[in-house]
Amino acid sequence: SGSVCSKFNPIGCNSCNPFDECRDFTVNLETCCDNFRSIQDFTIDMVTALDRFDGEKSYSMVQFASGGTLEQFPGDKLSTIDSVNGLVYTGGATN
């Protein structure tokens, strides 16, 4: 249990606090940690790969933390990538 960004203890890292337990200074404050950036990169890679297939496509995105948030209604590849890059790490626990 813990957070995507908790390094040493299973804490929630809400809004990337406490910094010494959550923050990686290789990414911006909104991203908080390398693990969250890796999830964003994976999502971008997945959308890019899926978009190569023929056919009509649209992507929706939900962000889960302590609660779920609809981050994007159905949209194309570029708007989805923009939305992924615009995600702000909010914290929350994992199971």
Protein backbone atom coordinates (compact mmCIF):
# COMPACT_ATOMS: atom_id res chain seq x y z
CA SER A 1 0.00 0.00 0.00
CA GLY A 2 1.07 3.62 -0.29
CA SER A 3 1.32 6.00 -3.18
CA VAL A 4 2.89 5.89 -6.62
CA CYS A 5 5.33 8.50 -5.30
CA SER A 6 5.97 7.22 -1.77
CA LYS A 7 9.52 5.95 -1.59
CA PHE A 8 10.21 4.65 1.90
CA ASN A 9 6.95 4.45 3.80
CA PRO A 10 3.40 3.62 2.70
CA ILE A 11 2.07 7.17 2.81
CA GLY A 12 -0.41 8.96 0.54
CA CYS A 13 1.90 11.74 -0.69
CA ASN A 14 -1.08 14.08 -1.00
CA SER A 15 -0.14 17.01 -3.21
CA CYS A 16 3.42 15.61 -3.24
CA ASN A 17 3.94 16.11 0.51
CA PRO A 18 6.06 15.44 2.48
CA PHE A 19 8.71 16.35 -0.09
CA ASP A 20 11.44 14.17 1.42
CA GLU A 21 9.20 11.08 1.12
CA CYS A 22 7.57 11.83 -2.24
CA ARG A 23 9.34 14.32 -4.49
CA ASP A 24 11.86 13.60 -7.24
CA PHE A 25 13.59 16.76 -8.41
CA THR A 26 14.12 15.33 -11.90
CA VAL A 27 10.49 16.22 -12.76
CA ASN A 28 8.34 19.30 -12.21
CA LEU A 29 6.32 19.77 -9.01
CA GLU A 30 3.01 18.97 -10.75
CA THR A 31 4.39 15.56 -11.77
CA CYS A 32 5.99 15.02 -8.32
CA CYS A 33 7.98 11.84 -8.96
CA ASP A 34 9.62 9.70 -11.60
CA ASN A 35 7.08 6.89 -11.12
CA PHE A 36 4.15 9.16 -12.01
CA ARG A 37 6.06 10.46 -15.07
CA SER A 38 6.67 6.83 -16.10
CA ILE A 39 2.92 6.16 -15.94
CA GLN A 40 2.31 9.24 -18.10
CA ASP A 41 4.95 8.08 -20.60
CA PHE A 42 3.44 4.58 -20.74
CA THR A 43 -0.01 6.06 -21.40
CA ILE A 44 1.34 8.24 -24.22
CA ASP A 45 3.15 5.25 -25.73
CA MET A 46 -0.03 3.14 -25.54
CA VAL A 47 -2.23 5.79 -27.17
CA THR A 48 0.38 6.33 -29.89
CA ALA A 49 0.54 2.58 -30.59
CA LEU A 50 -3.25 2.16 -30.64
CA ASP A 51 -3.62 5.12 -32.95
CA ARG A 52 -1.59 3.32 -35.64
CA PHE A 53 -4.44 0.86 -36.23
CA ASP A 54 -6.95 1.62 -38.96
CA GLY A 55 -10.39 2.75 -37.95
CA GLU A 56 -12.09 5.49 -36.03
CA LYS A 57 -10.67 5.99 -32.55
CA SER A 58 -11.29 8.15 -29.53
CA TYR A 59 -9.80 8.05 -26.05
CA SER A 60 -11.20 8.95 -22.64
CA MET A 61 -9.15 9.31 -19.51
CA VAL A 62 -9.93 8.90 -15.82
CA GLN A 63 -7.38 9.73 -13.13
CA PHE A 64 -7.55 7.71 -9.92
CA ALA A 65 -6.09 8.86 -6.61
CA SER A 66 -8.11 8.93 -3.40
CA GLY A 67 -11.04 9.42 -5.78
CA GLY A 68 -11.60 9.25 -9.51
CA THR A 69 -11.74 12.24 -11.86
CA LEU A 70 -12.78 12.31 -15.50
CA GLU A 71 -9.88 14.13 -17.12
CA GLN A 72 -10.93 13.91 -20.75
CA PHE A 73 -14.10 13.09 -22.62
CA PRO A 74 -13.59 11.10 -25.82
CA GLY A 75 -10.93 12.82 -27.91
CA ASP A 76 -8.27 12.17 -30.51
CA LYS A 77 -4.66 11.15 -29.98
CA LEU A 78 -3.22 14.67 -29.72
CA SER A 79 -5.81 15.94 -27.24
CA THR A 80 -5.27 12.79 -25.16
CA ILE A 81 -1.50 13.29 -25.10
CA ASP A 82 -2.04 16.93 -24.10
CA SER A 83 -4.34 15.80 -21.29
CA VAL A 84 -1.83 13.20 -20.07
CA ASN A 85 0.96 15.77 -20.04
CA GLY A 86 -1.32 18.15 -18.14
CA LEU A 87 -2.11 15.74 -15.31
CA VAL A 88 -1.21 16.97 -11.84
CA TYR A 89 -0.20 14.41 -9.24
CA THR A 90 -2.68 14.64 -6.36
CA GLY A 91 -1.64 11.71 -4.18
CA GLY A 92 -3.83 9.09 -2.65
CA ALA A 93 -3.32 5.52 -1.58
CA THR A 94 -2.99 2.37 -3.66
CA ASN A 95 -4.05 -1.13 -2.70
